[in-house]
Amino acid sequence: MNNLFDLTGKTAIVSGASSGIGVEFAEMLADQGADVAILARRYDKLKAVAEKITAKYPERRIIPIECDVTKENQIIAAVQKVMAEFGKIDILLNNAGIVDSVPIEALEEEAWDRVLDTDLKGVFLMSKHVIRHMKERKYGRIVNTASMLGLTASASIPTHSYNAAKGGVIHLTRGVAATYAKHGITVNAIGPSLFKSEMTENTLFSEQALKMYNAVCPMGRPGNPGELNGAVLYFASDACSYTTGQTLFVDGGWTII
């Protein structure tokens, strides 16, 4: 039986790949055989990530591309560069994201727009310009990073703009999946709970916040490095050829209670 999770010969784009789980995803895709274009705003960090992955997997092509996913012109240029380098795009992992924790009565419009533009509009724009190439080849795997907070709310930390954006990602995933299923393109999402990243380590990993999280989460702990990789690999591979429009919550059981 063929290994349905083998990505040898595939090419992938990972946005938000300069730190945190984006780096883990890029490394995992390379480990499974894919060549990877990593995108983010901070080129110096991207370059270091590319060098790290290349040192570990010298047979892979890892290219860093500076790109702000809120800027359509930068996305167009990035996709053109990937096509020039690889000639095709098999996998798109929309992972770029930010969060703002401000009560709604104090939430400035500019701050709201910043989160929605990055977390939701970025998914729309990246998908828009990649899916055209996938459609031509009648093959594609799009994986969006949503969140458990796209389904649930937080009583202790006000993340209203983030909740709205990630809820939008979940439903955008469904809509795009329905439209492009007949073109051989699957579109799915992961919904992580608490994982350590630049975005969470100084807030949600404080002693008080972690104690509160662990008391509620059925598994009694946050996610560990690598525990999102299985879900991403499934959605990025041929194993999910008949699975589309789904969001898999990798959350230690948070959303079941």
Protein backbone atom coordinates (compact mmCIF):
# COMPACT_ATOMS: atom_id res chain seq x y z
CA MET A 1 0.00 0.00 0.00
CA ASN A 2 1.30 3.44 -0.89
CA ASN A 3 2.14 5.80 1.96
CA LEU A 4 -0.75 8.27 1.77
CA PHE A 5 1.16 10.72 3.97
CA ASP A 6 4.27 10.86 1.78
CA LEU A 7 4.76 14.38 0.37
CA THR A 8 7.73 13.58 -1.85
CA GLY A 9 7.59 15.74 -4.95
CA LYS A 10 5.03 18.13 -3.45
CA THR A 11 5.56 21.86 -3.06
CA ALA A 12 4.10 23.84 -0.19
CA ILE A 13 3.65 27.39 1.02
CA VAL A 14 3.51 28.13 4.75
CA SER A 15 2.62 31.64 5.87
CA GLY A 16 3.48 32.90 9.34
CA ALA A 17 6.55 30.69 9.23
CA SER A 18 9.12 32.86 11.00
CA SER A 19 8.37 31.48 14.49
CA GLY A 20 6.25 29.15 16.59
CA ILE A 21 4.01 26.53 15.05
CA GLY A 22 4.67 27.89 11.55
CA VAL A 23 8.27 26.74 11.88
CA GLU A 24 7.10 23.35 13.14
CA PHE A 25 4.77 22.98 10.17
CA ALA A 26 7.49 23.87 7.66
CA GLU A 27 9.90 21.37 9.25
CA MET A 28 7.23 18.65 9.26
CA LEU A 29 6.40 19.19 5.59
CA ALA A 30 10.10 19.02 4.68
CA ASP A 31 10.50 15.89 6.79
CA GLN A 32 7.68 14.26 4.81
CA GLY A 33 9.33 15.09 1.49
CA ALA A 34 7.98 18.48 0.42
CA ASP A 35 9.84 21.52 -0.86
CA VAL A 36 8.62 24.54 1.07
CA ALA A 37 8.31 28.29 0.57
CA ILE A 38 8.10 30.00 3.96
CA LEU A 39 6.45 33.41 4.18
CA ALA A 40 6.38 36.09 6.86
CA ARG A 41 7.07 39.79 7.36
CA ARG A 42 10.39 39.29 9.22
CA TYR A 43 12.86 38.22 6.56
CA ASP A 44 15.84 37.83 8.89
CA LYS A 45 13.96 35.32 11.02
CA LEU A 46 12.67 33.55 7.89
CA LYS A 47 16.19 33.25 6.53
CA ALA A 48 17.37 31.66 9.79
CA VAL A 49 14.46 29.20 9.70
CA ALA A 50 15.25 28.28 6.08
CA GLU A 51 18.89 27.67 6.95
CA LYS A 52 17.91 25.51 9.93
CA ILE A 53 15.55 23.33 7.88
CA THR A 54 18.00 23.06 4.97
CA ALA A 55 20.75 21.94 7.34
CA LYS A 56 18.47 19.19 8.62
CA TYR A 57 17.07 18.24 5.21
CA PRO A 58 19.70 19.24 2.63
CA GLU A 59 17.81 17.47 -0.16
CA ARG A 60 14.85 19.85 0.24
CA ARG A 61 14.44 23.28 -1.32
CA ILE A 62 13.37 25.79 1.32
CA ILE A 63 12.94 29.36 0.15
CA PRO A 64 12.20 32.32 2.44
CA ILE A 65 9.96 35.06 1.03
CA GLU A 66 9.18 38.30 2.82
CA CYS A 67 5.42 38.81 2.63
CA ASP A 68 2.77 40.68 4.62
CA VAL A 69 -0.45 38.69 4.10
CA THR A 70 -2.55 41.82 4.55
CA LYS A 71 -1.05 43.30 1.36
CA GLU A 72 -2.40 41.80 -1.86
CA ASN A 73 0.47 43.09 -3.99
CA GLN A 74 2.98 41.32 -1.76
CA ILE A 75 1.01 38.09 -1.95
CA ILE A 76 0.88 38.28 -5.74
CA ALA A 77 4.64 38.78 -5.86
CA ALA A 78 5.24 35.93 -3.42
CA VAL A 79 3.07 33.48 -5.36
CA GLN A 80 4.81 34.46 -8.60
CA LYS A 81 8.17 33.79 -6.95
CA VAL A 82 7.03 30.36 -5.75
CA MET A 83 5.75 29.46 -9.20
CA ALA A 84 9.03 30.60 -10.77
CA GLU A 85 11.02 28.51 -8.27
CA PHE A 86 8.87 25.35 -8.09
CA GLY A 87 6.55 25.50 -11.10
CA LYS A 88 3.53 24.43 -9.06
CA ILE A 89 1.86 24.74 -5.67
CA ASP A 90 0.38 21.59 -4.16
CA ILE A 91 -0.14 22.69 -0.56
CA LEU A 92 -1.05 26.02 1.02
CA LEU A 93 -0.90 26.35 4.79
CA ASN A 94 -2.47 29.64 5.90
CA ASN A 95 -0.92 30.09 9.31
CA ALA A 96 -0.17 33.82 9.71
CA GLY A 97 -2.03 35.27 12.68
CA ILE A 98 -2.05 37.79 15.52
CA VAL A 99 -4.25 38.34 18.58
CA ASP A 100 -5.43 41.33 20.60
CA SER A 101 -6.83 41.01 24.13
CA VAL A 102 -8.85 44.16 24.79
CA PRO A 103 -12.42 44.49 26.14
CA ILE A 104 -14.76 45.50 23.36
CA GLU A 105 -15.59 48.89 24.86
CA ALA A 106 -11.90 49.77 24.74
CA LEU A 107 -11.09 48.08 21.43
CA GLU A 108 -9.96 50.62 18.85
CA GLU A 109 -11.12 50.26 15.26
CA GLU A 110 -7.52 50.17 14.04
CA ALA A 111 -6.71 47.28 16.38
CA TRP A 112 -9.85 45.40 15.26
CA ASP A 113 -8.88 45.89 11.60
CA ARG A 114 -5.31 44.73 12.22
CA VAL A 115 -6.45 41.37 13.60
CA LEU A 116 -9.19 40.81 11.01
CA ASP A 117 -6.86 41.80 8.16
CA THR A 118 -4.14 39.37 9.25
CA ASP A 119 -6.17 36.45 10.52
CA LEU A 120 -9.08 36.43 8.07
CA LYS A 121 -8.35 38.64 5.07
CA GLY A 122 -4.89 37.09 4.84
CA VAL A 123 -6.46 33.64 4.43
CA PHE A 124 -8.78 35.00 1.75
CA LEU A 125 -6.01 36.73 -0.22
CA MET A 126 -3.52 33.85 -0.03
CA SER A 127 -6.20 31.36 -1.09
CA LYS A 128 -7.39 33.63 -3.90
CA HIS A 129 -4.00 33.81 -5.58
CA VAL A 130 -2.89 30.21 -4.95
CA ILE A 131 -6.12 28.44 -5.80
CA ARG A 132 -5.98 29.65 -9.41
CA HIS A 133 -2.83 27.59 -9.95
CA MET A 134 -4.27 24.59 -8.13
CA LYS A 135 -7.42 24.76 -10.25
CA GLU A 136 -5.38 24.58 -13.46
CA ARG A 137 -3.80 21.33 -12.29
CA LYS A 138 -7.00 20.00 -10.66
CA TYR A 139 -5.14 19.33 -7.44
CA GLY A 140 -4.61 21.20 -4.20
CA ARG A 141 -4.56 20.94 -0.43
CA ILE A 142 -5.37 24.10 1.54
CA VAL A 143 -5.02 23.99 5.33
CA ASN A 144 -6.10 26.98 7.41
CA THR A 145 -5.08 27.62 10.99
CA ALA A 146 -8.27 28.53 12.83
CA SER A 147 -8.63 28.23 16.61
CA MET A 148 -10.87 26.75 19.26
CA LEU A 149 -11.76 30.41 19.91
CA GLY A 150 -13.47 30.44 16.54
CA LEU A 151 -16.04 28.14 18.12
CA THR A 152 -15.93 28.99 21.83
CA ALA A 153 -15.52 32.19 23.82
CA SER A 154 -13.20 33.12 26.67
CA ALA A 155 -14.65 34.50 29.89
CA SER A 156 -11.26 35.37 31.36
CA ILE A 157 -9.47 36.98 28.39
CA PRO A 158 -11.29 39.30 25.96
CA THR A 159 -10.26 38.20 22.46
CA HIS A 160 -13.21 39.55 20.52
CA SER A 161 -11.46 40.43 17.27
CA TYR A 162 -9.58 37.12 17.31
CA ASN A 163 -12.80 35.16 17.97
CA ALA A 164 -14.50 36.93 15.07
CA ALA A 165 -11.58 36.35 12.72
CA LYS A 166 -11.13 32.68 13.56
CA GLY A 167 -14.87 32.05 13.37
CA GLY A 168 -14.68 33.60 9.92
CA VAL A 169 -11.81 31.30 8.98
CA ILE A 170 -13.87 28.26 9.92
CA HIS A 171 -16.79 29.30 7.75
CA LEU A 172 -14.58 30.57 4.91
CA THR A 173 -13.00 27.11 4.94
CA ARG A 174 -16.42 25.55 4.42
CA GLY A 175 -17.43 27.91 1.64
CA VAL A 176 -14.22 27.63 -0.37
CA ALA A 177 -14.24 23.86 0.10
CA ALA A 178 -17.74 23.60 -1.33
CA THR A 179 -16.87 25.71 -4.36
CA TYR A 180 -13.62 23.98 -5.31
CA ALA A 181 -14.24 20.34 -4.38
CA LYS A 182 -15.08 19.51 -7.99
CA HIS A 183 -11.65 20.82 -9.01
CA GLY A 184 -9.72 18.31 -6.90
CA ILE A 185 -8.95 20.87 -4.21
CA THR A 186 -9.60 20.15 -0.54
CA VAL A 187 -9.86 22.95 2.00
CA ASN A 188 -9.75 22.15 5.71
CA ALA A 189 -8.74 23.80 8.96
CA ILE A 190 -7.18 22.97 12.29
CA GLY A 191 -8.49 24.50 15.51
CA PRO A 192 -5.71 24.55 18.10
CA SER A 193 -6.23 25.38 21.74
CA LEU A 194 -3.27 26.61 23.78
CA PHE A 195 0.19 26.07 22.30
CA LYS A 196 3.30 28.06 23.19
CA SER A 197 4.30 30.70 20.65
CA GLU A 198 5.47 34.30 20.54
CA MET A 199 1.80 35.23 20.63
CA THR A 200 0.99 33.28 23.82
CA GLU A 201 4.10 32.74 25.92
CA ASN A 202 4.04 36.10 27.72
CA THR A 203 0.30 36.09 28.40
CA LEU A 204 -1.47 32.75 28.29
CA PHE A 205 1.53 30.92 29.72
CA SER A 206 1.65 33.05 32.87
CA GLU A 207 1.27 31.00 36.03
CA GLN A 208 -2.25 32.27 36.69
CA ALA A 209 -3.50 31.87 33.12
CA LEU A 210 -2.00 28.39 32.77
CA LYS A 211 -3.52 27.27 36.08
CA MET A 212 -6.94 28.41 34.88
CA TYR A 213 -6.53 26.71 31.50
CA ASN A 214 -5.36 23.43 32.99
CA ALA A 215 -8.31 23.39 35.40
CA VAL A 216 -10.80 23.52 32.52
CA CYS A 217 -9.09 21.52 29.77
CA PRO A 218 -10.03 17.82 30.01
CA MET A 219 -6.40 16.78 29.42
CA GLY A 220 -5.27 19.23 32.08
CA ARG A 221 -2.44 20.73 30.04
CA PRO A 222 -1.65 22.85 26.99
CA GLY A 223 -0.52 21.32 23.72
CA ASN A 224 3.07 20.19 23.32
CA PRO A 225 5.37 20.96 20.37
CA GLY A 226 4.54 18.71 17.44
CA GLU A 227 1.02 17.77 18.56
CA LEU A 228 -0.54 19.76 15.71
CA ASN A 229 1.59 18.11 13.05
CA GLY A 230 -0.53 15.00 12.60
CA ALA A 231 -3.67 16.97 11.81
CA VAL A 232 -1.82 19.26 9.41
CA LEU A 233 -0.14 16.34 7.66
CA TYR A 234 -3.47 14.55 7.20
CA PHE A 235 -5.06 17.60 5.58
CA ALA A 236 -1.94 18.32 3.47
CA SER A 237 -1.67 14.78 2.12
CA ASP A 238 -3.51 12.45 -0.22
CA ALA A 239 -4.97 10.74 2.84
CA CYS A 240 -7.65 13.45 2.92
CA SER A 241 -8.71 13.10 -0.72
CA TYR A 242 -12.37 12.72 0.33
CA THR A 243 -12.30 15.09 3.31
CA THR A 244 -13.05 18.77 2.77
CA GLY A 245 -14.62 21.71 4.58
CA GLN A 246 -13.76 20.29 7.99
CA THR A 247 -12.21 21.85 11.07
CA LEU A 248 -10.31 19.48 13.36
CA PHE A 249 -10.00 20.85 16.87
CA VAL A 250 -6.68 19.83 18.40
CA ASP A 251 -7.51 21.09 21.85
CA GLY A 252 -7.08 18.46 24.55
CA GLY A 253 -10.86 18.10 24.60
CA TRP A 254 -11.61 21.78 25.31
CA THR A 255 -14.44 22.13 22.78
CA ILE A 256 -16.27 18.98 23.89
CA ILE A 257 -17.22 20.36 27.31
